[in-house]
């Protein structure tokens, strides 16, 4: 389970000439798949960590011209997030 919380969404450069003054994205719960592992490097306590996540979240985007809603669309977001790092166990 995941929660996408959009903090600050500004109108894009392509929408401003169309009169868009404000853009919002709906905060939503979604589903996430995750897999990863920690790999020890010798007996010194050092290691590597790798992780992959795939998110499945829907959001509603709204573009406003002044106080009037101009466009509302629904979007399916499904990004991959890959990460790697170093670790030390003490």
PDB file of N, CA and C in Angstrom:
ATOM      1  N   UNK A   1       0.846  -1.168   0.000  1.00  0.00           N
ATOM      2  CA  UNK A   1       0.000   0.000   0.000  1.00  0.00           C
ATOM      3  C   UNK A   1       0.900   1.241   0.000  1.00  0.00           C
ATOM      4  N   UNK A   2       0.515   2.248  -0.747  1.00  0.00           N
ATOM      5  CA  UNK A   2       1.270   3.496  -0.812  1.00  0.00           C
ATOM      6  C   UNK A   2       0.298   4.669  -0.836  1.00  0.00           C
ATOM      7  N   UNK A   3       0.810   5.837  -0.541  1.00  0.00           N
ATOM      8  CA  UNK A   3       0.004   7.056  -0.584  1.00  0.00           C
ATOM      9  C   UNK A   3       0.801   8.124  -1.315  1.00  0.00           C
ATOM     10  N   UNK A   4       0.267   8.643  -2.402  1.00  0.00           N
ATOM     11  CA  UNK A   4       0.908   9.723  -3.136  1.00  0.00           C
ATOM     12  C   UNK A   4       0.307  11.038  -2.673  1.00  0.00           C
ATOM     13  N   UNK A   5       1.151  11.926  -2.173  1.00  0.00           N
ATOM     14  CA  UNK A   5       0.744  13.223  -1.644  1.00  0.00           C
ATOM     15  C   UNK A   5       1.465  14.294  -2.452  1.00  0.00           C
ATOM     16  N   UNK A   6       0.725  15.027  -3.255  1.00  0.00           N
ATOM     17  CA  UNK A   6       1.295  16.056  -4.122  1.00  0.00           C
ATOM     18  C   UNK A   6       1.385  17.352  -3.328  1.00  0.00           C
ATOM     19  N   UNK A   7       2.563  17.922  -3.195  1.00  0.00           N
ATOM     20  CA  UNK A   7       2.773  19.084  -2.346  1.00  0.00           C
ATOM     21  C   UNK A   7       2.619  20.390  -3.113  1.00  0.00           C
ATOM     22  N   UNK A   8       3.318  20.564  -4.212  1.00  0.00           N
ATOM     23  CA  UNK A   8       3.311  21.842  -4.919  1.00  0.00           C
ATOM     24  C   UNK A   8       3.316  21.574  -6.422  1.00  0.00           C
ATOM     25  N   UNK A   9       2.197  21.826  -7.070  1.00  0.00           N
ATOM     26  CA  UNK A   9       2.069  21.587  -8.503  1.00  0.00           C
ATOM     27  C   UNK A   9       1.802  22.928  -9.183  1.00  0.00           C
ATOM     28  N   UNK A  10       2.729  23.356 -10.008  1.00  0.00           N
ATOM     29  CA  UNK A  10       2.570  24.619 -10.733  1.00  0.00           C
ATOM     30  C   UNK A  10       2.108  24.342 -12.158  1.00  0.00           C
ATOM     31  N   UNK A  11       1.382  25.289 -12.767  1.00  0.00           N
ATOM     32  CA  UNK A  11       1.015  25.124 -14.177  1.00  0.00           C
ATOM     33  C   UNK A  11       2.273  25.012 -15.037  1.00  0.00           C
ATOM     34  N   UNK A  12       2.227  24.133 -16.027  1.00  0.00           N
ATOM     35  CA  UNK A  12       3.366  23.964 -16.925  1.00  0.00           C
ATOM     36  C   UNK A  12       3.482  25.102 -17.917  1.00  0.00           C
ATOM     37  N   UNK A  13       4.658  25.256 -18.497  1.00  0.00           N
ATOM     38  CA  UNK A  13       4.916  26.333 -19.452  1.00  0.00           C
ATOM     39  C   UNK A  13       3.988  26.255 -20.662  1.00  0.00           C
ATOM     40  N   UNK A  14       3.552  25.052 -21.018  1.00  0.00           N
ATOM     41  CA  UNK A  14       2.654  24.901 -22.168  1.00  0.00           C
ATOM     42  C   UNK A  14       1.218  25.298 -21.843  1.00  0.00           C
ATOM     43  N   UNK A  15       0.835  25.276 -20.564  1.00  0.00           N
ATOM     44  CA  UNK A  15      -0.550  25.589 -20.199  1.00  0.00           C
ATOM     45  C   UNK A  15      -0.763  27.051 -19.831  1.00  0.00           C
ATOM     46  N   UNK A  16       0.261  27.747 -19.427  1.00  0.00           N
ATOM     47  CA  UNK A  16       0.119  29.160 -19.027  1.00  0.00           C
ATOM     48  C   UNK A  16      -0.405  30.025 -20.179  1.00  0.00           C
ATOM     49  N   UNK A  17       0.096  29.878 -21.428  1.00  0.00           N
ATOM     50  CA  UNK A  17      -0.461  30.681 -22.526  1.00  0.00           C
ATOM     51  C   UNK A  17      -1.945  30.390 -22.802  1.00  0.00           C
ATOM     52  N   UNK A  18      -2.452  29.255 -22.333  1.00  0.00           N
ATOM     53  CA  UNK A  18      -3.856  28.909 -22.518  1.00  0.00           C
ATOM     54  C   UNK A  18      -4.746  29.510 -21.429  1.00  0.00           C
ATOM     55  N   UNK A  19      -4.133  30.236 -20.492  1.00  0.00           N
ATOM     56  CA  UNK A  19      -4.892  30.883 -19.433  1.00  0.00           C
ATOM     57  C   UNK A  19      -4.968  30.101 -18.141  1.00  0.00           C
ATOM     58  N   UNK A  20      -4.214  29.001 -18.028  1.00  0.00           N
ATOM     59  CA  UNK A  20      -4.230  28.206 -16.801  1.00  0.00           C
ATOM     60  C   UNK A  20      -3.487  28.961 -15.704  1.00  0.00           C
ATOM     61  N   UNK A  21      -4.150  29.112 -14.556  1.00  0.00           N
ATOM     62  CA  UNK A  21      -3.561  29.832 -13.433  1.00  0.00           C
ATOM     63  C   UNK A  21      -3.224  28.922 -12.254  1.00  0.00           C
ATOM     64  N   UNK A  22      -3.832  27.720 -12.225  1.00  0.00           N
ATOM     65  CA  UNK A  22      -3.603  26.801 -11.105  1.00  0.00           C
ATOM     66  C   UNK A  22      -3.793  25.371 -11.582  1.00  0.00           C
ATOM     67  N   UNK A  23      -2.963  24.477 -11.053  1.00  0.00           N
ATOM     68  CA  UNK A  23      -3.039  23.054 -11.369  1.00  0.00           C
ATOM     69  C   UNK A  23      -3.068  22.271 -10.064  1.00  0.00           C
ATOM     70  N   UNK A  24      -3.900  21.234  -9.992  1.00  0.00           N
ATOM     71  CA  UNK A  24      -3.920  20.362  -8.815  1.00  0.00           C
ATOM     72  C   UNK A  24      -3.899  18.902  -9.254  1.00  0.00           C
ATOM     73  N   UNK A  25      -3.346  18.063  -8.403  1.00  0.00           N
ATOM     74  CA  UNK A  25      -3.380  16.607  -8.567  1.00  0.00           C
ATOM     75  C   UNK A  25      -3.959  16.021  -7.291  1.00  0.00           C
ATOM     76  N   UNK A  26      -4.856  15.048  -7.404  1.00  0.00           N
ATOM     77  CA  UNK A  26      -5.495  14.460  -6.223  1.00  0.00           C
ATOM     78  C   UNK A  26      -4.530  13.528  -5.495  1.00  0.00           C
ATOM     79  N   UNK A  27      -4.505  13.623  -4.176  1.00  0.00           N
ATOM     80  CA  UNK A  27      -3.746  12.693  -3.346  1.00  0.00           C
ATOM     81  C   UNK A  27      -4.500  11.362  -3.336  1.00  0.00           C
ATOM     82  N   UNK A  28      -3.780  10.253  -3.489  1.00  0.00           N
ATOM     83  CA  UNK A  28      -4.442   8.957  -3.649  1.00  0.00           C
ATOM     84  C   UNK A  28      -3.652   7.831  -2.994  1.00  0.00           C
ATOM     85  N   UNK A  29      -4.377   6.814  -2.534  1.00  0.00           N
ATOM     86  CA  UNK A  29      -3.775   5.549  -2.129  1.00  0.00           C
ATOM     87  C   UNK A  29      -3.584   4.679  -3.366  1.00  0.00           C
ATOM     88  N   UNK A  30      -2.586   3.813  -3.323  1.00  0.00           N
ATOM     89  CA  UNK A  30      -2.353   2.901  -4.427  1.00  0.00           C
ATOM     90  C   UNK A  30      -1.659   1.637  -3.938  1.00  0.00           C
ATOM     91  N   UNK A  31      -1.202   0.858  -4.873  1.00  0.00           N
ATOM     92  CA  UNK A  31      -0.572  -0.429  -4.606  1.00  0.00           C
ATOM     93  C   UNK A  31       0.877  -0.364  -5.048  1.00  0.00           C
ATOM     94  N   UNK A  32       1.768  -1.024  -4.322  1.00  0.00           N
ATOM     95  CA  UNK A  32       3.179  -1.053  -4.697  1.00  0.00           C
ATOM     96  C   UNK A  32       3.721  -2.471  -4.525  1.00  0.00           C
ATOM     97  N   UNK A  33       4.525  -2.899  -5.501  1.00  0.00           N
ATOM     98  CA  UNK A  33       5.272  -4.156  -5.413  1.00  0.00           C
ATOM     99  C   UNK A  33       6.723  -3.804  -5.138  1.00  0.00           C
ATOM    100  N   UNK A  34       7.360  -4.540  -4.230  1.00  0.00           N
ATOM    101  CA  UNK A  34       8.729  -4.220  -3.849  1.00  0.00           C
ATOM    102  C   UNK A  34       9.533  -5.492  -3.683  1.00  0.00           C
ATOM    103  N   UNK A  35      10.791  -5.446  -4.142  1.00  0.00           N
ATOM    104  CA  UNK A  35      11.734  -6.548  -3.935  1.00  0.00           C
ATOM    105  C   UNK A  35      13.115  -5.957  -3.752  1.00  0.00           C
ATOM    106  N   UNK A  36      13.899  -6.547  -2.904  1.00  0.00           N
ATOM    107  CA  UNK A  36      15.252  -6.059  -2.678  1.00  0.00           C
ATOM    108  C   UNK A  36      16.046  -7.041  -1.854  1.00  0.00           C
ATOM    109  N   UNK A  37      17.317  -6.734  -1.704  1.00  0.00           N
ATOM    110  CA  UNK A  37      18.190  -7.606  -0.924  1.00  0.00           C
ATOM    111  C   UNK A  37      19.361  -6.805  -0.380  1.00  0.00           C
ATOM    112  N   UNK A  38      19.951  -7.329   0.688  1.00  0.00           N
ATOM    113  CA  UNK A  38      21.199  -6.808   1.245  1.00  0.00           C
ATOM    114  C   UNK A  38      22.281  -7.843   0.988  1.00  0.00           C
ATOM    115  N   UNK A  39      23.435  -7.388   0.517  1.00  0.00           N
ATOM    116  CA  UNK A  39      24.530  -8.290   0.161  1.00  0.00           C
ATOM    117  C   UNK A  39      25.736  -7.942   1.018  1.00  0.00           C
ATOM    118  N   UNK A  40      26.166  -8.880   1.857  1.00  0.00           N
ATOM    119  CA  UNK A  40      27.339  -8.658   2.711  1.00  0.00           C
ATOM    120  C   UNK A  40      28.608  -8.698   1.871  1.00  0.00           C
ATOM    121  N   UNK A  41      29.543  -7.807   2.214  1.00  0.00           N
ATOM    122  CA  UNK A  41      30.851  -7.788   1.555  1.00  0.00           C
ATOM    123  C   UNK A  41      31.883  -8.172   2.612  1.00  0.00           C
ATOM    124  N   UNK A  42      32.252  -9.416   2.632  1.00  0.00           N
ATOM    125  CA  UNK A  42      33.214  -9.918   3.624  1.00  0.00           C
ATOM    126  C   UNK A  42      32.611  -9.953   5.020  1.00  0.00           C
ATOM    127  N   UNK A  43      33.518  -9.995   6.039  1.00  0.00           N
ATOM    128  CA  UNK A  43      33.094 -10.075   7.440  1.00  0.00           C
ATOM    129  C   UNK A  43      33.265  -8.753   8.176  1.00  0.00           C
ATOM    130  N   UNK A  44      33.531  -7.666   7.459  1.00  0.00           N
ATOM    131  CA  UNK A  44      33.818  -6.378   8.101  1.00  0.00           C
ATOM    132  C   UNK A  44      32.564  -5.588   8.477  1.00  0.00           C
ATOM    133  N   UNK A  45      31.398  -6.053   8.065  1.00  0.00           N
ATOM    134  CA  UNK A  45      30.160  -5.334   8.367  1.00  0.00           C
ATOM    135  C   UNK A  45      29.657  -4.480   7.220  1.00  0.00           C
ATOM    136  N   UNK A  46      30.459  -4.325   6.193  1.00  0.00           N
ATOM    137  CA  UNK A  46      30.036  -3.533   5.031  1.00  0.00           C
ATOM    138  C   UNK A  46      29.168  -4.371   4.102  1.00  0.00           C
ATOM    139  N   UNK A  47      28.338  -3.693   3.335  1.00  0.00           N
ATOM    140  CA  UNK A  47      27.494  -4.410   2.392  1.00  0.00           C
ATOM    141  C   UNK A  47      26.867  -3.474   1.375  1.00  0.00           C
ATOM    142  N   UNK A  48      26.154  -4.070   0.460  1.00  0.00           N
ATOM    143  CA  UNK A  48      25.393  -3.331  -0.557  1.00  0.00           C
ATOM    144  C   UNK A  48      23.926  -3.662  -0.379  1.00  0.00           C
ATOM    145  N   UNK A  49      23.080  -2.715  -0.722  1.00  0.00           N
ATOM    146  CA  UNK A  49      21.643  -2.956  -0.697  1.00  0.00           C
ATOM    147  C   UNK A  49      21.068  -2.513  -2.041  1.00  0.00           C
ATOM    148  N   UNK A  50      20.186  -3.326  -2.601  1.00  0.00           N
ATOM    149  CA  UNK A  50      19.515  -2.979  -3.852  1.00  0.00           C
ATOM    150  C   UNK A  50      18.015  -3.203  -3.668  1.00  0.00           C
ATOM    151  N   UNK A  51      17.239  -2.408  -4.391  1.00  0.00           N
ATOM    152  CA  UNK A  51      15.799  -2.422  -4.185  1.00  0.00           C
ATOM    153  C   UNK A  51      15.113  -1.977  -5.470  1.00  0.00           C
ATOM    154  N   UNK A  52      13.982  -2.588  -5.781  1.00  0.00           N
ATOM    155  CA  UNK A  52      13.162  -2.187  -6.931  1.00  0.00           C
ATOM    156  C   UNK A  52      11.705  -2.115  -6.486  1.00  0.00           C
ATOM    157  N   UNK A  53      11.033  -1.034  -6.868  1.00  0.00           N
ATOM    158  CA  UNK A  53       9.616  -0.856  -6.541  1.00  0.00           C
ATOM    159  C   UNK A  53       8.857  -0.490  -7.813  1.00  0.00           C
ATOM    160  N   UNK A  54       7.624  -0.978  -7.903  1.00  0.00           N
ATOM    161  CA  UNK A  54       6.728  -0.605  -9.005  1.00  0.00           C
ATOM    162  C   UNK A  54       5.428  -0.117  -8.368  1.00  0.00           C
ATOM    163  N   UNK A  55       5.092   1.142  -8.640  1.00  0.00           N
ATOM    164  CA  UNK A  55       3.897   1.758  -8.062  1.00  0.00           C
ATOM    165  C   UNK A  55       2.727   1.694  -9.042  1.00  0.00           C
ATOM    166  N   UNK A  56       1.522   1.548  -8.497  1.00  0.00           N
ATOM    167  CA  UNK A  56       0.289   1.572  -9.279  1.00  0.00           C
ATOM    168  C   UNK A  56      -0.679   2.515  -8.572  1.00  0.00           C
ATOM    169  N   UNK A  57      -0.779   3.740  -9.083  1.00  0.00           N
ATOM    170  CA  UNK A  57      -1.586   4.786  -8.446  1.00  0.00           C
ATOM    171  C   UNK A  57      -2.332   5.552  -9.533  1.00  0.00           C
ATOM    172  N   UNK A  58      -3.580   5.903  -9.261  1.00  0.00           N
ATOM    173  CA  UNK A  58      -4.351   6.777 -10.147  1.00  0.00           C
ATOM    174  C   UNK A  58      -4.430   8.153  -9.513  1.00  0.00           C
ATOM    175  N   UNK A  59      -4.480   9.199 -10.326  1.00  0.00           N
ATOM    176  CA  UNK A  59      -4.656  10.555  -9.826  1.00  0.00           C
ATOM    177  C   UNK A  59      -5.533  11.337 -10.791  1.00  0.00           C
ATOM    178  N   UNK A  60      -6.212  12.330 -10.277  1.00  0.00           N
ATOM    179  CA  UNK A  60      -7.021  13.218 -11.100  1.00  0.00           C
ATOM    180  C   UNK A  60      -6.315  14.559 -11.190  1.00  0.00           C
ATOM    181  N   UNK A  61      -6.045  15.000 -12.405  1.00  0.00           N
ATOM    182  CA  UNK A  61      -5.407  16.303 -12.634  1.00  0.00           C
ATOM    183  C   UNK A  61      -6.481  17.320 -13.012  1.00  0.00           C
ATOM    184  N   UNK A  62      -6.360  18.504 -12.420  1.00  0.00           N
ATOM    185  CA  UNK A  62      -7.319  19.581 -12.708  1.00  0.00           C
ATOM    186  C   UNK A  62      -6.555  20.851 -13.041  1.00  0.00           C
ATOM    187  N   UNK A  63      -6.981  21.499 -14.128  1.00  0.00           N
ATOM    188  CA  UNK A  63      -6.408  22.774 -14.545  1.00  0.00           C
ATOM    189  C   UNK A  63      -7.482  23.841 -14.433  1.00  0.00           C
ATOM    190  N   UNK A  64      -7.127  24.946 -13.784  1.00  0.00           N
ATOM    191  CA  UNK A  64      -8.077  26.037 -13.547  1.00  0.00           C
ATOM    192  C   UNK A  64      -7.640  27.296 -14.273  1.00  0.00           C
ATOM    193  N   UNK A  65      -8.626  28.033 -14.738  1.00  0.00           N
ATOM    194  CA  UNK A  65      -8.423  29.375 -15.275  1.00  0.00           C
ATOM    195  C   UNK A  65      -9.159  30.308 -14.324  1.00  0.00           C
ATOM    196  N   UNK A  66      -8.406  30.989 -13.474  1.00  0.00           N
ATOM    197  CA  UNK A  66      -9.028  31.745 -12.389  1.00  0.00           C
ATOM    198  C   UNK A  66      -9.636  30.752 -11.417  1.00  0.00           C
ATOM    199  N   UNK A  67     -10.910  30.909 -11.098  1.00  0.00           N
ATOM    200  CA  UNK A  67     -11.607  29.969 -10.216  1.00  0.00           C
ATOM    201  C   UNK A  67     -12.382  28.900 -10.986  1.00  0.00           C
ATOM    202  N   UNK A  68     -12.395  28.996 -12.308  1.00  0.00           N
ATOM    203  CA  UNK A  68     -13.178  28.073 -13.137  1.00  0.00           C
ATOM    204  C   UNK A  68     -12.345  26.853 -13.533  1.00  0.00           C
ATOM    205  N   UNK A  69     -12.936  25.658 -13.359  1.00  0.00           N
ATOM    206  CA  UNK A  69     -12.286  24.424 -13.786  1.00  0.00           C
ATOM    207  C   UNK A  69     -12.310  24.360 -15.311  1.00  0.00           C
ATOM    208  N   UNK A  70     -11.125  24.276 -15.925  1.00  0.00           N
ATOM    209  CA  UNK A  70     -11.031  24.244 -17.386  1.00  0.00           C
ATOM    210  C   UNK A  70     -10.984  22.810 -17.915  1.00  0.00           C
ATOM    211  N   UNK A  71     -10.163  21.974 -17.298  1.00  0.00           N
ATOM    212  CA  UNK A  71      -9.997  20.587 -17.749  1.00  0.00           C
ATOM    213  C   UNK A  71      -9.789  19.699 -16.526  1.00  0.00           C
ATOM    214  N   UNK A  72     -10.364  18.485 -16.569  1.00  0.00           N
ATOM    215  CA  UNK A  72     -10.141  17.470 -15.537  1.00  0.00           C
ATOM    216  C   UNK A  72      -9.875  16.154 -16.241  1.00  0.00           C
ATOM    217  N   UNK A  73      -8.758  15.513 -15.913  1.00  0.00           N
ATOM    218  CA  UNK A  73      -8.399  14.239 -16.529  1.00  0.00           C
ATOM    219  C   UNK A  73      -7.927  13.254 -15.468  1.00  0.00           C
ATOM    220  N   UNK A  74      -8.085  11.971 -15.739  1.00  0.00           N
ATOM    221  CA  UNK A  74      -7.656  10.891 -14.841  1.00  0.00           C
ATOM    222  C   UNK A  74      -6.403  10.257 -15.428  1.00  0.00           C
ATOM    223  N   UNK A  75      -5.407  10.000 -14.574  1.00  0.00           N
ATOM    224  CA  UNK A  75      -4.131   9.447 -15.027  1.00  0.00           C
ATOM    225  C   UNK A  75      -3.760   8.220 -14.201  1.00  0.00           C
ATOM    226  N   UNK A  76      -3.234   7.211 -14.870  1.00  0.00           N
ATOM    227  CA  UNK A  76      -2.702   6.031 -14.202  1.00  0.00           C
ATOM    228  C   UNK A  76      -1.182   6.165 -14.155  1.00  0.00           C
ATOM    229  N   UNK A  77      -0.642   6.183 -12.942  1.00  0.00           N
ATOM    230  CA  UNK A  77       0.802   6.293 -12.756  1.00  0.00           C
ATOM    231  C   UNK A  77       1.335   4.925 -12.383  1.00  0.00           C
ATOM    232  N   UNK A  78       2.396   4.475 -13.065  1.00  0.00           N
ATOM    233  CA  UNK A  78       2.993   3.182 -12.746  1.00  0.00           C
ATOM    234  C   UNK A  78       4.515   3.230 -12.891  1.00  0.00           C
ATOM    235  N   UNK A  79       5.179   4.146 -12.151  1.00  0.00           N
ATOM    236  CA  UNK A  79       6.632   4.272 -12.288  1.00  0.00           C
ATOM    237  C   UNK A  79       7.390   3.143 -11.592  1.00  0.00           C
ATOM    238  N   UNK A  80       8.592   2.888 -12.089  1.00  0.00           N
ATOM    239  CA  UNK A  80       9.557   2.025 -11.422  1.00  0.00           C
ATOM    240  C   UNK A  80      10.482   2.931 -10.614  1.00  0.00           C
ATOM    241  N   UNK A  81      10.857   2.500  -9.422  1.00  0.00           N
ATOM    242  CA  UNK A  81      11.856   3.205  -8.610  1.00  0.00           C
ATOM    243  C   UNK A  81      12.927   2.185  -8.259  1.00  0.00           C
ATOM    244  N   UNK A  82      14.143   2.440  -8.725  1.00  0.00           N
ATOM    245  CA  UNK A  82      15.281   1.553  -8.468  1.00  0.00           C
ATOM    246  C   UNK A  82      16.259   2.271  -7.563  1.00  0.00           C
ATOM    247  N   UNK A  83      16.782   1.582  -6.577  1.00  0.00           N
ATOM    248  CA  UNK A  83      17.739   2.228  -5.669  1.00  0.00           C
ATOM    249  C   UNK A  83      18.827   1.237  -5.281  1.00  0.00           C
ATOM    250  N   UNK A  84      19.974   1.798  -4.931  1.00  0.00           N
ATOM    251  CA  UNK A  84      21.102   1.014  -4.463  1.00  0.00           C
ATOM    252  C   UNK A  84      21.835   1.843  -3.411  1.00  0.00           C
ATOM    253  N   UNK A  85      22.481   1.179  -2.487  1.00  0.00           N
ATOM    254  CA  UNK A  85      23.186   1.913  -1.451  1.00  0.00           C
ATOM    255  C   UNK A  85      24.231   1.046  -0.767  1.00  0.00           C
ATOM    256  N   UNK A  86      24.988   1.709   0.082  1.00  0.00           N
ATOM    257  CA  UNK A  86      25.995   1.023   0.880  1.00  0.00           C
ATOM    258  C   UNK A  86      25.460   0.895   2.303  1.00  0.00           C
ATOM    259  N   UNK A  87      25.863  -0.167   2.970  1.00  0.00           N
ATOM    260  CA  UNK A  87      25.411  -0.371   4.350  1.00  0.00           C
ATOM    261  C   UNK A  87      26.602  -0.765   5.226  1.00  0.00           C
ATOM    262  N   UNK A  88      26.407  -0.532   6.515  1.00  0.00           N
ATOM    263  CA  UNK A  88      27.408  -0.955   7.499  1.00  0.00           C
ATOM    264  C   UNK A  88      26.690  -1.473   8.726  1.00  0.00           C
ATOM    265  N   UNK A  89      26.975  -2.666   9.107  1.00  0.00           N
ATOM    266  CA  UNK A  89      26.376  -3.289  10.284  1.00  0.00           C
ATOM    267  C   UNK A  89      27.393  -3.226  11.429  1.00  0.00           C
ATOM    268  N   UNK A  90      26.959  -2.667  12.554  1.00  0.00           N
ATOM    269  CA  UNK A  90      27.856  -2.577  13.718  1.00  0.00           C
ATOM    270  C   UNK A  90      27.189  -3.117  14.955  1.00  0.00           C
TER     271      UNK A  90
END
